[in-house]
Amino acid sequence: MTTCSAATSIAISLSLSACATPRMHTQAELNTAGQACGLTYGELIQDEEAKKLLILFRQAPAPEQRRCVYDWARRNHLKLVVIDAIAFPEQAQ
């Protein structure tokens, strides 16, 4: 293999790895990642129709929690969406 073709091969490999398709993670995987970042069960979700999105659903997450989840999302080829301003309507009594 020549130097030129080796460089071309490496460039193609790197460009393909940058386009990695995100996979659907199990709820157990998301819970494990969430707990590692100081979250509780169910605060990380991934929508089946928008597999690229990792949703952090927590009222006022700490900056360290956001960073931890962002890093995990990035390693797994996901885009982080943070929903932190949660307002529940009053229930009629």
Protein backbone atom coordinates (compact mmCIF):
# COMPACT_ATOMS: atom_id res chain seq x y z
CA MET A 1 0.00 0.00 0.00
CA THR A 2 1.41 3.36 -0.94
CA THR A 3 1.54 6.32 1.39
CA CYS A 4 -1.10 8.14 -0.65
CA SER A 5 -3.56 5.26 -0.60
CA ALA A 6 -2.96 4.70 3.13
CA ALA A 7 -3.71 8.37 3.81
CA THR A 8 -6.82 8.16 1.65
CA SER A 9 -7.97 5.05 3.50
CA ILE A 10 -7.50 6.75 6.87
CA ALA A 11 -9.36 9.86 5.69
CA ILE A 12 -12.31 7.77 4.48
CA SER A 13 -12.43 5.84 7.76
CA LEU A 14 -12.46 9.04 9.80
CA SER A 15 -15.17 10.64 7.69
CA LEU A 16 -17.38 7.57 7.99
CA SER A 17 -16.95 7.37 11.76
CA ALA A 18 -18.04 11.01 12.06
CA CYS A 19 -21.37 10.06 10.48
CA ALA A 20 -22.14 7.23 12.88
CA THR A 21 -25.84 6.48 13.14
CA PRO A 22 -27.15 6.67 16.69
CA ARG A 23 -28.76 3.53 18.02
CA MET A 24 -31.72 3.18 20.31
CA HIS A 25 -30.48 2.71 23.89
CA THR A 26 -32.41 0.60 26.38
CA GLN A 27 -34.00 2.27 29.37
CA ALA A 28 -31.55 0.35 31.57
CA GLU A 29 -28.60 1.90 29.67
CA LEU A 30 -30.11 5.37 29.98
CA ASN A 31 -30.76 4.86 33.71
CA THR A 32 -27.19 3.70 34.25
CA ALA A 33 -25.84 6.75 32.42
CA GLY A 34 -28.22 9.00 34.33
CA GLN A 35 -27.22 7.58 37.70
CA ALA A 36 -23.54 8.02 36.83
CA CYS A 37 -24.38 11.72 36.26
CA GLY A 38 -26.32 12.11 39.51
CA LEU A 39 -29.81 11.77 38.04
CA THR A 40 -32.66 9.49 39.07
CA TYR A 41 -34.47 6.82 37.06
CA GLY A 42 -36.36 8.08 34.04
CA GLU A 43 -34.74 11.51 33.76
CA LEU A 44 -32.94 10.53 30.54
CA ILE A 45 -35.08 9.43 27.63
CA GLN A 46 -34.56 8.75 23.94
CA ASP A 47 -37.45 9.05 21.49
CA GLU A 48 -37.83 6.20 19.00
CA GLU A 49 -38.83 8.63 16.23
CA ALA A 50 -35.93 11.00 16.93
CA LYS A 51 -33.14 8.58 17.81
CA LYS A 52 -30.53 11.32 17.59
CA LEU A 53 -32.02 13.15 20.57
CA LEU A 54 -31.21 12.39 24.19
CA ILE A 55 -33.66 14.23 26.43
CA LEU A 56 -32.70 15.30 29.94
CA PHE A 57 -35.97 15.88 31.79
CA ARG A 58 -35.11 17.46 35.16
CA GLN A 59 -36.02 20.71 36.89
CA ALA A 60 -32.90 22.91 37.17
CA PRO A 61 -30.14 20.32 36.61
CA ALA A 62 -26.76 21.26 38.06
CA PRO A 63 -24.08 22.35 35.57
CA GLU A 64 -22.07 19.22 36.43
CA GLN A 65 -25.06 17.03 35.60
CA ARG A 66 -25.60 18.80 32.28
CA ARG A 67 -21.91 18.42 31.38
CA CYS A 68 -21.86 14.74 32.34
CA VAL A 69 -24.97 13.96 30.26
CA TYR A 70 -23.68 16.08 27.36
CA ASP A 71 -20.42 14.14 27.34
CA TRP A 72 -22.27 10.80 27.40
CA ALA A 73 -24.56 11.94 24.57
CA ARG A 74 -21.62 13.08 22.48
CA ARG A 75 -19.77 9.77 22.96
CA ASN A 76 -22.92 7.99 21.77
CA HIS A 77 -23.51 10.25 18.73
CA LEU A 78 -26.59 11.90 20.26
CA LYS A 79 -27.75 15.52 20.57
CA LEU A 80 -28.70 16.60 24.07
CA VAL A 81 -32.01 18.36 24.68
CA VAL A 82 -32.56 19.74 28.18
CA ILE A 83 -36.08 20.31 29.47
CA ASP A 84 -35.55 22.16 32.72
CA ALA A 85 -38.46 24.57 33.04
CA ILE A 86 -41.30 22.26 33.95
CA ALA A 87 -44.68 23.78 34.79
CA PHE A 88 -47.58 21.49 35.60
CA PRO A 89 -51.08 22.94 35.29
CA GLU A 90 -53.15 23.11 38.44
CA GLN A 91 -55.59 20.25 38.73
CA ALA A 92 -59.25 21.23 38.94
CA GLN A 93 -60.79 20.45 42.30
